[in-house]
């Protein structure tokens, strides 16, 4: 009976070692793959709000144009500073998503909390405008909207743009 328990203990120990090795190899392979899965879940309310409230934040190009023509909105370009300099919606301010934490206080210093703000970025796959919009909501700005595919749509509709020299 003692040798049976010993063999069972050895088998379980080896199984545990094999399982641990398989998990480590799987994690390493996942890490180096360009299409690897994210190993951490974002449990913040921001990520949940993007999927649940995306339609509530989205504004159409027609609505954005009307607010622009009425001069009743601040456009926030969330693309890189370089892309912003190459061209942006006329009057837009640049607040790149990657630099939000370092820039938002200075950026928002002269922006009223009740100001209508529309964030935009490059194309359909660009999510920085959504992330900045949610961050601005979190900072107490309730009138935040996202113009999906904003820069491309603005240009397609031949609306006013400007560049930085």
Protein backbone atom coordinates (compact mmCIF):
# COMPACT_ATOMS: atom_id res chain seq x y z
CA UNK A 1 0.00 0.00 0.00
CA UNK A 2 2.86 2.39 0.79
CA UNK A 3 4.43 1.93 -2.65
CA UNK A 4 1.07 2.63 -4.30
CA UNK A 5 0.81 5.95 -2.47
CA UNK A 6 4.40 6.74 -3.33
CA UNK A 7 3.77 6.02 -7.04
CA UNK A 8 0.59 8.12 -6.95
CA UNK A 9 2.47 10.99 -5.29
CA UNK A 10 5.26 10.81 -7.90
CA UNK A 11 2.73 10.70 -10.75
CA UNK A 12 0.87 13.74 -9.38
CA UNK A 13 4.12 15.63 -8.89
CA UNK A 14 5.20 14.87 -12.46
CA UNK A 15 1.76 15.85 -13.77
CA UNK A 16 2.00 19.14 -11.90
CA UNK A 17 5.47 19.80 -13.32
CA UNK A 18 4.29 19.01 -16.86
CA UNK A 19 1.23 21.24 -16.43
CA UNK A 20 3.38 24.09 -15.09
CA UNK A 21 5.82 23.71 -17.97
CA UNK A 22 2.95 23.72 -20.49
CA UNK A 23 1.50 26.91 -18.98
CA UNK A 24 4.89 28.65 -19.02
CA UNK A 25 5.51 27.66 -22.65
CA UNK A 26 2.00 28.77 -23.61
CA UNK A 27 2.48 32.15 -21.94
CA UNK A 28 5.85 32.65 -23.62
CA UNK A 29 4.46 31.78 -27.06
CA UNK A 30 1.49 34.09 -26.48
CA UNK A 31 3.84 36.91 -25.48
CA UNK A 32 5.94 36.73 -28.66
CA UNK A 33 3.05 36.28 -31.09
CA UNK A 34 1.93 39.54 -32.74
CA UNK A 35 -1.70 38.44 -32.38
CA UNK A 36 -1.34 37.11 -28.83
CA UNK A 37 -4.18 37.41 -26.36
CA UNK A 38 -4.20 40.07 -23.67
CA UNK A 39 -3.39 38.51 -20.33
CA UNK A 40 -4.95 41.22 -18.22
CA UNK A 41 -8.51 42.39 -18.15
CA UNK A 42 -9.26 46.07 -17.96
CA UNK A 43 -11.89 46.20 -15.26
CA UNK A 44 -12.14 49.96 -15.19
CA UNK A 45 -15.46 51.59 -15.94
CA UNK A 46 -13.89 53.30 -18.96
CA UNK A 47 -13.50 50.08 -20.94
CA UNK A 48 -17.00 48.94 -20.03
CA UNK A 49 -18.38 52.31 -21.01
CA UNK A 50 -16.81 52.18 -24.48
CA UNK A 51 -18.70 49.04 -25.41
CA UNK A 52 -21.94 49.89 -23.61
CA UNK A 53 -22.20 53.61 -24.39
CA UNK A 54 -20.34 53.97 -27.66
CA UNK A 55 -23.53 54.91 -29.50
CA UNK A 56 -24.36 57.45 -26.80
CA UNK A 57 -21.03 59.20 -27.36
CA UNK A 58 -21.01 59.05 -31.14
CA UNK A 59 -21.96 62.09 -33.18
CA UNK A 60 -22.67 62.14 -36.91
CA UNK A 61 -20.69 64.22 -39.38
CA UNK A 62 -23.84 66.30 -40.04
CA UNK A 63 -24.26 67.11 -36.33
CA UNK A 64 -20.55 67.89 -35.99
CA UNK A 65 -20.72 70.18 -39.02
CA UNK A 66 -23.74 72.03 -37.60
CA UNK A 67 -21.98 72.60 -34.27
CA UNK A 68 -18.84 73.72 -36.12
CA UNK A 69 -20.78 76.23 -38.24
CA UNK A 70 -22.53 77.55 -35.12
CA UNK A 71 -19.11 77.88 -33.45
CA UNK A 72 -20.55 75.99 -30.50
CA UNK A 73 -17.98 73.22 -30.12
CA UNK A 74 -14.34 72.52 -29.36
CA UNK A 75 -12.80 69.83 -31.58
CA UNK A 76 -10.07 67.75 -29.96
CA UNK A 77 -7.67 65.97 -32.31
CA UNK A 78 -6.36 62.90 -30.48
CA UNK A 79 -3.80 61.98 -33.13
CA UNK A 80 -0.07 62.53 -32.73
CA UNK A 81 1.31 66.06 -32.75
CA UNK A 82 2.96 65.34 -36.09
CA UNK A 83 -0.32 64.25 -37.71
CA UNK A 84 -2.06 67.28 -36.21
CA UNK A 85 0.53 69.63 -37.72
CA UNK A 86 0.07 68.02 -41.15
CA UNK A 87 -3.63 68.88 -41.06
CA UNK A 88 -6.61 69.05 -38.70
CA UNK A 89 -10.13 70.39 -38.39
CA UNK A 90 -10.04 74.17 -38.41
CA UNK A 91 -9.78 75.45 -34.83
CA UNK A 92 -9.16 72.00 -33.34
CA UNK A 93 -6.80 71.58 -30.39
CA UNK A 94 -4.37 68.69 -30.16
CA UNK A 95 -4.54 66.32 -27.18
CA UNK A 96 -2.87 63.04 -28.20
CA UNK A 97 -4.18 60.03 -26.30
CA UNK A 98 -0.66 58.82 -25.51
CA UNK A 99 0.16 62.15 -23.88
CA UNK A 100 -3.17 62.74 -22.14
CA UNK A 101 -1.90 62.32 -18.58
CA UNK A 102 0.91 64.81 -19.06
CA UNK A 103 -1.07 67.39 -21.04
CA UNK A 104 -4.70 67.37 -19.94
CA UNK A 105 -4.42 69.81 -17.01
CA UNK A 106 -2.80 72.54 -19.11
CA UNK A 107 -5.10 71.75 -22.03
CA UNK A 108 -8.29 71.97 -19.96
CA UNK A 109 -7.29 75.06 -17.98
CA UNK A 110 -9.28 77.36 -20.30
CA UNK A 111 -12.09 74.97 -21.23
CA UNK A 112 -15.44 75.42 -19.46
CA UNK A 113 -16.97 72.26 -18.01
CA UNK A 114 -20.18 72.79 -20.00
CA UNK A 115 -18.33 73.20 -23.31
CA UNK A 116 -19.36 70.85 -26.13
CA UNK A 117 -16.30 68.80 -27.08
CA UNK A 118 -15.94 66.47 -30.06
CA UNK A 119 -12.94 64.15 -30.14
CA UNK A 120 -11.69 62.62 -33.35
CA UNK A 121 -8.78 60.66 -34.75
CA UNK A 122 -7.78 59.03 -38.01
CA UNK A 123 -9.67 56.00 -39.20
CA UNK A 124 -12.21 53.37 -38.31
CA UNK A 125 -9.74 51.34 -36.27
CA UNK A 126 -8.55 54.32 -34.23
CA UNK A 127 -9.82 54.19 -30.65
CA UNK A 128 -7.87 57.11 -29.18
CA UNK A 129 -10.79 59.50 -29.67
CA UNK A 130 -13.02 57.20 -27.60
CA UNK A 131 -10.41 56.86 -24.86
CA UNK A 132 -9.84 60.62 -24.63
CA UNK A 133 -13.60 61.22 -24.64
CA UNK A 134 -14.05 58.84 -21.73
CA UNK A 135 -11.14 60.41 -19.86
CA UNK A 136 -12.69 63.85 -20.36
CA UNK A 137 -16.03 62.55 -19.08
CA UNK A 138 -14.16 61.24 -16.05
CA UNK A 139 -12.63 64.71 -15.53
CA UNK A 140 -16.10 66.26 -15.28
CA UNK A 141 -16.85 67.31 -18.86
CA UNK A 142 -20.36 65.98 -19.58
CA UNK A 143 -20.83 67.19 -23.18
CA UNK A 144 -18.35 64.90 -24.88
CA UNK A 145 -18.88 63.30 -28.27
CA UNK A 146 -16.83 61.13 -30.60
CA UNK A 147 -16.72 61.67 -34.35
CA UNK A 148 -15.80 58.19 -35.56
CA UNK A 149 -13.35 58.17 -38.45
CA UNK A 150 -13.43 61.91 -37.89
CA UNK A 151 -10.44 63.21 -39.82
CA UNK A 152 -11.26 61.14 -42.91
CA UNK A 153 -14.96 62.07 -42.79
CA UNK A 154 -14.17 65.76 -42.35
CA UNK A 155 -11.94 65.72 -45.42
CA UNK A 156 -14.43 63.68 -47.48
CA UNK A 157 -17.08 66.34 -46.82
CA UNK A 158 -14.64 69.11 -47.82
CA UNK A 159 -15.05 70.87 -44.49
CA UNK A 160 -12.53 73.51 -43.30
CA UNK A 161 -9.09 72.26 -42.34
CA UNK A 162 -5.82 73.90 -41.43
CA UNK A 163 -2.16 72.97 -41.04
CA UNK A 164 0.58 74.11 -38.70
CA UNK A 165 3.68 75.55 -40.34
